[in-house]
Structure formats: structure tokens, C-alpha cells
Amino acid sequence: MQTQYLEYLQQSEDASHASVPLDEKSEEQPKEEEKAQPEPTKIVGKSNPFKSVLTTQQIKLLVECINEAHIFTTTITPKILSDFFACKLNGVLKSNNNRLLAYLMMQLSCYNYIAYEWQSVIANNKLVLAKIKDKYLTRSDLSSATDNVKCIYPKGYEIIDKYIKQLQKG
């Protein structure tokens, strides 16, 4: 009795495959793959991962601060800093001093110019390279640098403090 049932199942399976032409079978597979990869959704408006409330004038002031303190290995412009805060850099910045970078970002966060989660934003968007190892700064790297500057101020912190006071004056 089982063999009759098995033969019945094999015949019905063969019949179902025979009803679909070979060309249609091969066309069905790519369609399934296309469905598995949804089209990326286009989001309109400005992205603000840092939740930055800095004005154009404040950005210019920060550019002076960053360049004077030599936080990065290159001189930056207001456009570069704006792109940095929008996470839309055309490349990456290379840190000259992780502790100074952490101190600046911590100060900006303390005065609510940027989000408290700035470390994650920098790490997740791969915005900054470490000076020595040429690898992206991780949240752990930035967290360690931030903890370090809370105890011992980094060399050059007074430059940052001077500009932060100017930011507050408006």
C-alpha cells in the first residue's frame, strides 16, 4: 500500500513539473531574488546625526579653534566641519590628538551644541582616523580619551576653553 502511495506522489510531482515550461522556471528565480532586495528608501531633508545646533558663525569659530589647537593633521574649513557634523565627509579626518578631540567634543556636548552620543556617531560613521595606526577611531577609543581628559586636561585645552566661552557669548 505504501508503494502505491509513493508512486502516486511521484506521478503527481512529475505532472506538476511538466505543466510549467522550463523557461518559466528559470525566469521565476531571478524575480524572487529581486524581491529579496528591497529598493533603498530615499530620505529627504537634512541629516543631523550629531543633533548639532551650531550656526554658520559658530562653525567658523570652531574651525579657528580646531586649526589653532591642531586637533586634526590637516587644516579644516567651515565646509569640512559642516560636512563632519552632517556625517557627509568626502573622505576622513585624521586625528592629531585623540584627547584634544575628545575634550572639544565633550565640551560641545556639555553645552548642548551636539548630542551626548557623539562618540557613537563618530565611530559608526567612520569619520576620524587614529594618528598612528591609520584605523578608524572606535567608540572605545573615544570613550577612553574622554575618561582620560576628565582627570587630566590635555595640552592645549585652554585654546578650546577660550573658543567655547566665545561660543557661549554668541
N, C-alpha and C. Protein backbone atom coordinates (compact mmCIF):
# COMPACT_ATOMS: atom_id res chain seq x y z
N MET A 1 0.82 -1.19 0.00
CA MET A 1 0.00 0.00 0.00
C MET A 1 0.87 1.26 0.00
N GLN A 2 1.99 1.23 0.75
CA GLN A 2 2.86 2.39 0.77
C GLN A 2 3.50 2.64 -0.58
N THR A 3 3.86 1.58 -1.28
CA THR A 3 4.48 1.75 -2.59
C THR A 3 3.51 2.37 -3.58
N GLN A 4 2.22 2.03 -3.49
CA GLN A 4 1.23 2.63 -4.38
C GLN A 4 1.11 4.13 -4.10
N TYR A 5 1.11 4.47 -2.83
CA TYR A 5 1.00 5.88 -2.45
C TYR A 5 2.25 6.64 -2.90
N LEU A 6 3.42 6.03 -2.75
CA LEU A 6 4.68 6.64 -3.17
C LEU A 6 4.68 6.88 -4.68
N GLU A 7 4.20 5.87 -5.44
CA GLU A 7 4.11 6.02 -6.90
C GLU A 7 3.15 7.15 -7.25
N TYR A 8 2.03 7.26 -6.53
CA TYR A 8 1.05 8.31 -6.76
C TYR A 8 1.69 9.69 -6.54
N LEU A 9 2.45 9.83 -5.45
CA LEU A 9 3.11 11.11 -5.15
C LEU A 9 4.13 11.48 -6.22
N GLN A 10 4.89 10.49 -6.69
CA GLN A 10 5.89 10.75 -7.72
C GLN A 10 5.23 11.17 -9.02
N GLN A 11 4.11 10.53 -9.36
CA GLN A 11 3.40 10.88 -10.59
C GLN A 11 2.83 12.30 -10.50
N SER A 12 2.28 12.63 -9.35
CA SER A 12 1.70 13.97 -9.22
C SER A 12 2.80 15.05 -9.22
N GLU A 13 3.96 14.70 -8.67
CA GLU A 13 5.09 15.65 -8.69
C GLU A 13 5.58 15.84 -10.11
N ASP A 14 5.71 14.75 -10.85
CA ASP A 14 6.15 14.83 -12.24
C ASP A 14 5.15 15.63 -13.07
N ALA A 15 3.88 15.45 -12.81
CA ALA A 15 2.85 16.16 -13.55
C ALA A 15 2.92 17.67 -13.27
N SER A 16 3.18 18.04 -12.03
CA SER A 16 3.23 19.47 -11.71
C SER A 16 4.46 20.13 -12.35
N HIS A 17 5.58 19.40 -12.46
CA HIS A 17 6.77 19.96 -13.11
C HIS A 17 6.58 20.03 -14.61
N ALA A 18 5.87 19.10 -15.16
CA ALA A 18 5.66 19.07 -16.60
C ALA A 18 4.75 20.20 -17.05
N SER A 19 3.85 20.65 -16.18
CA SER A 19 2.91 21.70 -16.58
C SER A 19 3.58 23.07 -16.69
N VAL A 20 4.74 23.26 -16.05
CA VAL A 20 5.45 24.53 -16.13
C VAL A 20 6.61 24.36 -17.10
N PRO A 21 6.64 25.13 -18.21
CA PRO A 21 7.75 25.01 -19.16
C PRO A 21 9.08 25.38 -18.49
N LEU A 22 10.15 24.87 -19.04
CA LEU A 22 11.48 25.07 -18.48
C LEU A 22 11.87 26.55 -18.43
N ASP A 23 11.49 27.32 -19.46
CA ASP A 23 11.83 28.74 -19.50
C ASP A 23 11.20 29.50 -18.34
N GLU A 24 9.96 29.17 -18.00
CA GLU A 24 9.28 29.87 -16.92
C GLU A 24 9.94 29.58 -15.58
N LYS A 25 10.44 28.37 -15.39
CA LYS A 25 11.10 28.01 -14.13
C LYS A 25 12.33 28.89 -13.93
N SER A 26 13.13 29.05 -14.98
CA SER A 26 14.36 29.83 -14.84
C SER A 26 14.06 31.31 -14.65
N GLU A 27 12.94 31.80 -15.18
CA GLU A 27 12.59 33.21 -15.01
C GLU A 27 12.11 33.50 -13.60
N GLU A 28 11.50 32.50 -12.94
CA GLU A 28 10.96 32.72 -11.61
C GLU A 28 12.06 33.00 -10.59
N GLN A 29 13.20 32.35 -10.69
CA GLN A 29 14.25 32.50 -9.69
C GLN A 29 14.78 33.93 -9.59
N PRO A 30 15.13 34.60 -10.68
CA PRO A 30 15.61 35.97 -10.53
C PRO A 30 14.57 36.91 -9.93
N LYS A 31 13.28 36.67 -10.23
CA LYS A 31 12.24 37.52 -9.66
C LYS A 31 12.22 37.41 -8.14
N GLU A 32 12.44 36.19 -7.63
CA GLU A 32 12.47 36.01 -6.18
C GLU A 32 13.66 36.75 -5.58
N GLU A 33 14.80 36.73 -6.28
CA GLU A 33 15.98 37.43 -5.77
C GLU A 33 15.74 38.94 -5.75
N GLU A 34 15.06 39.45 -6.78
CA GLU A 34 14.77 40.88 -6.82
C GLU A 34 13.87 41.29 -5.66
N LYS A 35 12.92 40.44 -5.33
CA LYS A 35 12.02 40.74 -4.22
C LYS A 35 12.75 40.73 -2.89
N ALA A 36 13.78 39.91 -2.78
CA ALA A 36 14.52 39.80 -1.52
C ALA A 36 15.34 41.05 -1.23
N GLN A 37 15.67 41.83 -2.26
CA GLN A 37 16.45 43.05 -2.08
C GLN A 37 15.58 44.27 -2.33
N PRO A 38 14.96 44.82 -1.27
CA PRO A 38 14.11 45.98 -1.47
C PRO A 38 14.93 47.20 -1.89
N GLU A 39 14.31 48.07 -2.66
CA GLU A 39 15.00 49.28 -3.09
C GLU A 39 15.25 50.17 -1.88
N PRO A 40 16.44 50.83 -1.85
CA PRO A 40 16.70 51.72 -0.71
C PRO A 40 15.72 52.89 -0.71
N THR A 41 15.27 53.24 0.46
CA THR A 41 14.32 54.33 0.60
C THR A 41 15.08 55.65 0.58
N LYS A 42 14.65 56.56 -0.27
CA LYS A 42 15.29 57.87 -0.34
C LYS A 42 14.67 58.76 0.72
N ILE A 43 15.52 59.24 1.61
CA ILE A 43 15.06 60.10 2.69
C ILE A 43 15.38 61.54 2.33
N VAL A 44 14.39 62.39 2.40
CA VAL A 44 14.60 63.80 2.07
C VAL A 44 14.81 64.61 3.34
N GLY A 45 15.37 65.77 3.18
CA GLY A 45 15.64 66.63 4.34
C GLY A 45 17.09 66.50 4.74
N LYS A 46 17.48 67.25 5.75
CA LYS A 46 18.87 67.25 6.21
C LYS A 46 19.07 66.22 7.31
N SER A 47 20.14 65.46 7.17
CA SER A 47 20.53 64.50 8.21
C SER A 47 21.29 65.26 9.28
N ASN A 48 21.02 64.96 10.55
CA ASN A 48 21.71 65.64 11.64
C ASN A 48 22.05 64.64 12.75
N PRO A 49 22.97 63.69 12.47
CA PRO A 49 23.28 62.65 13.45
C PRO A 49 23.84 63.19 14.76
N PHE A 50 24.57 64.30 14.70
CA PHE A 50 25.14 64.89 15.92
C PHE A 50 24.11 65.75 16.66
N LYS A 51 22.94 65.95 16.04
CA LYS A 51 21.92 66.85 16.58
C LYS A 51 22.53 68.23 16.85
N SER A 52 23.37 68.65 15.92
CA SER A 52 24.09 69.92 16.04
C SER A 52 23.14 71.11 15.93
N VAL A 53 23.33 72.07 16.82
CA VAL A 53 22.56 73.31 16.77
C VAL A 53 23.49 74.48 16.45
N LEU A 54 24.67 74.17 15.94
CA LEU A 54 25.66 75.19 15.63
C LEU A 54 25.26 76.00 14.40
N THR A 55 25.39 77.32 14.52
CA THR A 55 25.10 78.21 13.40
C THR A 55 26.33 78.30 12.50
N THR A 56 26.16 78.93 11.35
CA THR A 56 27.28 79.12 10.42
C THR A 56 28.41 79.90 11.09
N GLN A 57 28.05 80.93 11.84
CA GLN A 57 29.05 81.74 12.54
C GLN A 57 29.79 80.90 13.60
N GLN A 58 29.05 80.08 14.32
CA GLN A 58 29.66 79.23 15.34
C GLN A 58 30.57 78.17 14.71
N ILE A 59 30.18 77.67 13.55
CA ILE A 59 31.02 76.71 12.82
C ILE A 59 32.35 77.37 12.46
N LYS A 60 32.28 78.62 11.98
CA LYS A 60 33.51 79.34 11.62
C LYS A 60 34.42 79.51 12.84
N LEU A 61 33.83 79.82 13.97
CA LEU A 61 34.59 79.97 15.21
C LEU A 61 35.25 78.65 15.62
N LEU A 62 34.50 77.57 15.49
CA LEU A 62 35.04 76.24 15.81
C LEU A 62 36.18 75.83 14.87
N VAL A 63 36.07 76.23 13.61
CA VAL A 63 37.14 75.94 12.65
C VAL A 63 38.43 76.60 13.10
N GLU A 64 38.33 77.86 13.54
CA GLU A 64 39.51 78.57 14.08
C GLU A 64 40.08 77.80 15.27
N CYS A 65 39.20 77.37 16.16
CA CYS A 65 39.61 76.63 17.35
C CYS A 65 40.33 75.35 16.98
N ILE A 66 39.74 74.56 16.11
CA ILE A 66 40.30 73.27 15.72
C ILE A 66 41.65 73.44 15.04
N ASN A 67 41.75 74.44 14.17
CA ASN A 67 43.02 74.67 13.47
C ASN A 67 44.10 75.21 14.42
N GLU A 68 43.71 76.09 15.33
CA GLU A 68 44.68 76.64 16.28
C GLU A 68 45.19 75.56 17.25
N ALA A 69 44.30 74.68 17.68
CA ALA A 69 44.67 73.61 18.62
C ALA A 69 45.31 72.41 17.91
N HIS A 70 45.30 72.41 16.59
CA HIS A 70 45.86 71.31 15.78
C HIS A 70 45.25 69.96 16.18
N ILE A 71 43.91 69.93 16.22
CA ILE A 71 43.21 68.69 16.59
C ILE A 71 43.34 67.64 15.49
N PHE A 72 43.32 68.10 14.23
CA PHE A 72 43.49 67.19 13.09
C PHE A 72 44.83 67.46 12.42
N THR A 73 45.28 66.50 11.62
CA THR A 73 46.58 66.64 10.96
C THR A 73 46.53 67.63 9.80
N THR A 74 45.33 67.96 9.34
CA THR A 74 45.17 68.91 8.25
C THR A 74 44.39 70.12 8.73
N THR A 75 44.52 71.21 7.99
CA THR A 75 43.73 72.41 8.27
C THR A 75 42.34 72.17 7.72
N ILE A 76 41.33 72.50 8.51
CA ILE A 76 39.96 72.28 8.03
C ILE A 76 39.29 73.61 7.69
N THR A 77 38.20 73.53 6.95
CA THR A 77 37.42 74.69 6.53
C THR A 77 36.02 74.57 7.13
N PRO A 78 35.24 75.67 7.08
CA PRO A 78 33.85 75.57 7.55
C PRO A 78 33.05 74.51 6.80
N LYS A 79 33.31 74.34 5.51
CA LYS A 79 32.60 73.32 4.71
C LYS A 79 32.93 71.92 5.24
N ILE A 80 34.21 71.67 5.52
CA ILE A 80 34.62 70.36 6.04
C ILE A 80 33.96 70.10 7.39
N LEU A 81 33.95 71.10 8.27
CA LEU A 81 33.35 70.91 9.60
C LEU A 81 31.84 70.71 9.49
N SER A 82 31.19 71.45 8.61
CA SER A 82 29.75 71.26 8.40
C SER A 82 29.46 69.85 7.89
N ASP A 83 30.28 69.39 6.94
CA ASP A 83 30.12 68.03 6.42
C ASP A 83 30.39 66.99 7.51
N PHE A 84 31.35 67.27 8.38
CA PHE A 84 31.66 66.39 9.50
C PHE A 84 30.43 66.22 10.39
N PHE A 85 29.80 67.35 10.76
CA PHE A 85 28.63 67.28 11.63
C PHE A 85 27.41 66.67 10.93
N ALA A 86 27.40 66.70 9.59
CA ALA A 86 26.32 66.06 8.83
C ALA A 86 26.68 64.61 8.47
N CYS A 87 27.89 64.17 8.87
CA CYS A 87 28.41 62.83 8.54
C CYS A 87 28.45 62.59 7.03
N LYS A 88 28.82 63.64 6.30
CA LYS A 88 28.89 63.54 4.84
C LYS A 88 30.24 63.99 4.33
N LEU A 89 31.29 63.63 5.04
CA LEU A 89 32.64 64.00 4.62
C LEU A 89 33.01 63.29 3.32
N ASN A 90 33.74 64.00 2.48
CA ASN A 90 34.25 63.39 1.25
C ASN A 90 35.64 62.84 1.57
N GLY A 91 35.71 61.87 2.45
CA GLY A 91 36.96 61.32 2.96
C GLY A 91 36.87 61.24 4.48
N VAL A 92 38.02 61.20 5.14
CA VAL A 92 38.04 61.16 6.60
C VAL A 92 39.01 62.20 7.13
N LEU A 93 38.84 62.55 8.39
CA LEU A 93 39.79 63.42 9.07
C LEU A 93 40.74 62.53 9.86
N LYS A 94 41.97 62.97 10.01
CA LYS A 94 42.95 62.20 10.77
C LYS A 94 43.25 62.96 12.05
N SER A 95 43.03 62.30 13.17
CA SER A 95 43.24 62.91 14.48
C SER A 95 44.73 63.15 14.73
N ASN A 96 45.03 64.34 15.21
CA ASN A 96 46.40 64.65 15.61
C ASN A 96 46.57 64.38 17.10
N ASN A 97 45.42 64.44 17.82
CA ASN A 97 45.44 64.26 19.27
C ASN A 97 44.04 63.81 19.71
N ASN A 98 43.86 62.53 19.97
CA ASN A 98 42.55 61.99 20.35
C ASN A 98 42.00 62.64 21.62
N ARG A 99 42.88 62.95 22.55
CA ARG A 99 42.44 63.54 23.81
C ARG A 99 41.87 64.95 23.58
N LEU A 100 42.53 65.73 22.71
CA LEU A 100 42.01 67.07 22.42
C LEU A 100 40.68 66.99 21.67
N LEU A 101 40.59 66.05 20.73
CA LEU A 101 39.33 65.84 20.00
C LEU A 101 38.23 65.48 21.00
N ALA A 102 38.52 64.56 21.90
CA ALA A 102 37.54 64.14 22.90
C ALA A 102 37.16 65.31 23.80
N TYR A 103 38.13 66.13 24.18
CA TYR A 103 37.85 67.28 25.05
C TYR A 103 36.93 68.27 24.34
N LEU A 104 37.23 68.57 23.08
CA LEU A 104 36.40 69.50 22.32
C LEU A 104 34.97 68.97 22.20
N MET A 105 34.83 67.72 21.79
CA MET A 105 33.50 67.15 21.59
C MET A 105 32.75 67.05 22.92
N MET A 106 33.45 66.72 23.99
CA MET A 106 32.83 66.64 25.31
C MET A 106 32.31 68.02 25.72
N GLN A 107 33.10 69.07 25.48
CA GLN A 107 32.68 70.43 25.81
C GLN A 107 31.45 70.84 24.99
N LEU A 108 31.49 70.54 23.70
CA LEU A 108 30.34 70.86 22.84
C LEU A 108 29.09 70.14 23.31
N SER A 109 29.26 68.90 23.74
CA SER A 109 28.14 68.12 24.25
C SER A 109 27.63 68.68 25.58
N CYS A 110 28.55 69.05 26.46
CA CYS A 110 28.16 69.60 27.78
C CYS A 110 27.31 70.86 27.65
N TYR A 111 27.61 71.67 26.64
CA TYR A 111 26.87 72.91 26.44
C TYR A 111 25.74 72.74 25.42
N ASN A 112 25.41 71.48 25.12
CA ASN A 112 24.27 71.12 24.26
C ASN A 112 24.37 71.64 22.82
N TYR A 113 25.58 71.79 22.32
CA TYR A 113 25.75 72.15 20.91
C TYR A 113 25.65 70.91 20.02
N ILE A 114 26.00 69.74 20.60
CA ILE A 114 25.90 68.47 19.88
C ILE A 114 25.33 67.41 20.82
N ALA A 115 25.02 66.25 20.26
CA ALA A 115 24.41 65.16 21.04
C ALA A 115 25.40 64.55 22.03
N TYR A 116 24.85 64.03 23.10
CA TYR A 116 25.62 63.33 24.11
C TYR A 116 26.29 62.08 23.52
N GLU A 117 25.68 61.49 22.50
CA GLU A 117 26.16 60.25 21.87
C GLU A 117 27.18 60.51 20.78
N TRP A 118 27.93 61.59 20.85
CA TRP A 118 28.87 61.96 19.79
C TRP A 118 29.91 60.87 19.51
N GLN A 119 30.30 60.10 20.52
CA GLN A 119 31.30 59.05 20.32
C GLN A 119 30.79 57.99 19.34
N SER A 120 29.55 57.58 19.53
CA SER A 120 28.95 56.58 18.64
C SER A 120 28.81 57.12 17.22
N VAL A 121 28.44 58.38 17.10
CA VAL A 121 28.27 58.98 15.77
C VAL A 121 29.60 58.96 15.01
N ILE A 122 30.68 59.38 15.67
CA ILE A 122 32.00 59.39 15.03
C ILE A 122 32.41 57.97 14.65
N ALA A 123 32.24 57.03 15.57
CA ALA A 123 32.65 55.64 15.32
C ALA A 123 31.80 54.98 14.24
N ASN A 124 30.49 55.09 14.35
CA ASN A 124 29.59 54.42 13.40
C ASN A 124 29.73 54.96 11.98
N ASN A 125 30.03 56.24 11.86
CA ASN A 125 30.16 56.85 10.53
C ASN A 125 31.60 56.89 10.03
N LYS A 126 32.52 56.34 10.82
CA LYS A 126 33.93 56.26 10.44
C LYS A 126 34.45 57.60 9.94
N LEU A 127 34.34 58.60 10.80
CA LEU A 127 34.70 59.96 10.42
C LEU A 127 36.16 60.32 10.68
N VAL A 128 36.80 59.62 11.64
CA VAL A 128 38.15 60.03 12.06
C VAL A 128 39.09 58.82 12.12
N LEU A 129 40.27 59.02 11.57
CA LEU A 129 41.33 58.01 11.66
C LEU A 129 42.24 58.33 12.83
N ALA A 130 42.76 57.30 13.47
CA ALA A 130 43.75 57.48 14.53
C ALA A 130 45.06 57.93 13.89
N LYS A 131 45.83 58.71 14.62
CA LYS A 131 47.07 59.27 14.07
C LYS A 131 48.10 58.19 13.74
N ILE A 132 48.31 57.26 14.63
CA ILE A 132 49.41 56.31 14.48
C ILE A 132 49.02 55.06 13.69
N LYS A 133 47.92 54.42 14.04
CA LYS A 133 47.59 53.12 13.46
C LYS A 133 46.83 53.19 12.14
N ASP A 134 46.43 54.37 11.70
CA ASP A 134 45.64 54.53 10.48
C ASP A 134 44.41 53.63 10.47
N LYS A 135 43.75 53.53 11.61
CA LYS A 135 42.47 52.82 11.68
C LYS A 135 41.43 53.80 12.21
N TYR A 136 40.18 53.52 11.91
CA TYR A 136 39.12 54.41 12.36
C TYR A 136 39.03 54.40 13.89
N LEU A 137 38.76 55.56 14.45
CA LEU A 137 38.56 55.63 15.89
C LEU A 137 37.27 54.92 16.25
N THR A 138 37.32 54.09 17.27
CA THR A 138 36.14 53.36 17.73
C THR A 138 35.51 54.11 18.90
N ARG A 139 34.32 53.68 19.26
CA ARG A 139 33.66 54.28 20.42
C ARG A 139 34.50 54.05 21.67
N SER A 140 35.14 52.90 21.74
CA SER A 140 36.00 52.58 22.88
C SER A 140 37.21 53.52 22.94
N ASP A 141 37.84 53.79 21.79
CA ASP A 141 38.97 54.73 21.74
C ASP A 141 38.54 56.10 22.25
N LEU A 142 37.38 56.55 21.77
CA LEU A 142 36.89 57.88 22.14
C LEU A 142 36.46 57.93 23.60
N SER A 143 35.88 56.84 24.08
CA SER A 143 35.46 56.77 25.47
C SER A 143 36.67 56.83 26.40
N SER A 144 37.72 56.11 26.04
CA SER A 144 38.95 56.12 26.85
C SER A 144 39.56 57.52 26.87
N ALA A 145 39.61 58.16 25.71
CA ALA A 145 40.17 59.51 25.63
C ALA A 145 39.33 60.49 26.46
N THR A 146 38.01 60.33 26.41
CA THR A 146 37.12 61.21 27.18
C THR A 146 37.32 61.01 28.67
N ASP A 147 37.38 59.76 29.12
CA ASP A 147 37.62 59.49 30.54
C ASP A 147 38.96 60.07 30.99
N ASN A 148 39.94 59.98 30.12
CA ASN A 148 41.28 60.48 30.43
C ASN A 148 41.29 61.99 30.62
N VAL A 149 40.58 62.73 29.75
CA VAL A 149 40.61 64.20 29.84
C VAL A 149 39.79 64.72 31.01
N LYS A 150 38.93 63.88 31.58
CA LYS A 150 38.16 64.31 32.75
C LYS A 150 39.07 64.43 33.97
N CYS A 151 40.15 63.64 34.00
CA CYS A 151 41.08 63.64 35.13
C CYS A 151 42.26 64.59 34.89
N ILE A 152 42.82 64.50 33.70
CA ILE A 152 44.00 65.32 33.38
C ILE A 152 43.70 66.07 32.08
N TYR A 153 43.65 67.39 32.17
CA TYR A 153 43.37 68.18 30.97
C TYR A 153 44.47 67.99 29.94
N PRO A 154 44.09 67.84 28.68
CA PRO A 154 45.12 67.66 27.64
C PRO A 154 45.85 68.97 27.35
N LYS A 155 47.06 68.85 26.87
CA LYS A 155 47.82 70.03 26.49
C LYS A 155 47.07 70.72 25.35
N GLY A 156 46.79 71.99 25.51
CA GLY A 156 46.05 72.75 24.51
C GLY A 156 44.59 72.94 24.86
N TYR A 157 44.15 72.43 26.02
CA TYR A 157 42.74 72.55 26.41
C TYR A 157 42.32 74.00 26.56
N GLU A 158 43.28 74.87 26.95
CA GLU A 158 42.94 76.29 27.17
C GLU A 158 42.51 76.97 25.87
N ILE A 159 43.03 76.51 24.75
CA ILE A 159 42.60 77.05 23.45
C ILE A 159 41.12 76.73 23.24
N ILE A 160 40.76 75.48 23.51
CA ILE A 160 39.37 75.05 23.34
C ILE A 160 38.46 75.81 24.30
N ASP A 161 38.87 75.93 25.55
CA ASP A 161 38.06 76.67 26.54
C ASP A 161 37.81 78.10 26.11
N LYS A 162 38.85 78.74 25.55
CA LYS A 162 38.73 80.13 25.09
C LYS A 162 37.63 80.24 24.02
N TYR A 163 37.64 79.32 23.07
CA TYR A 163 36.65 79.36 21.99
C TYR A 163 35.26 78.94 22.46
N ILE A 164 35.18 78.02 23.40
CA ILE A 164 33.88 77.61 23.95
C ILE A 164 33.23 78.81 24.65
N LYS A 165 34.02 79.60 25.37
CA LYS A 165 33.50 80.82 26.02
C LYS A 165 32.98 81.80 24.98
N GLN A 166 33.70 81.92 23.86
CA GLN A 166 33.24 82.80 22.78
C GLN A 166 31.94 82.28 22.17
N LEU A 167 31.83 80.96 22.05
CA LEU A 167 30.58 80.37 21.53
C LEU A 167 29.41 80.72 22.43
N GLN A 168 29.63 80.64 23.73
CA GLN A 168 28.56 80.91 24.69
C GLN A 168 28.13 82.38 24.67
N LYS A 169 29.08 83.27 24.43
CA LYS A 169 28.75 84.70 24.37
C LYS A 169 27.88 85.00 23.15
N GLY A 170 28.03 84.18 22.13
CA GLY A 170 27.21 84.35 20.93
C GLY A 170 27.86 85.27 20.00
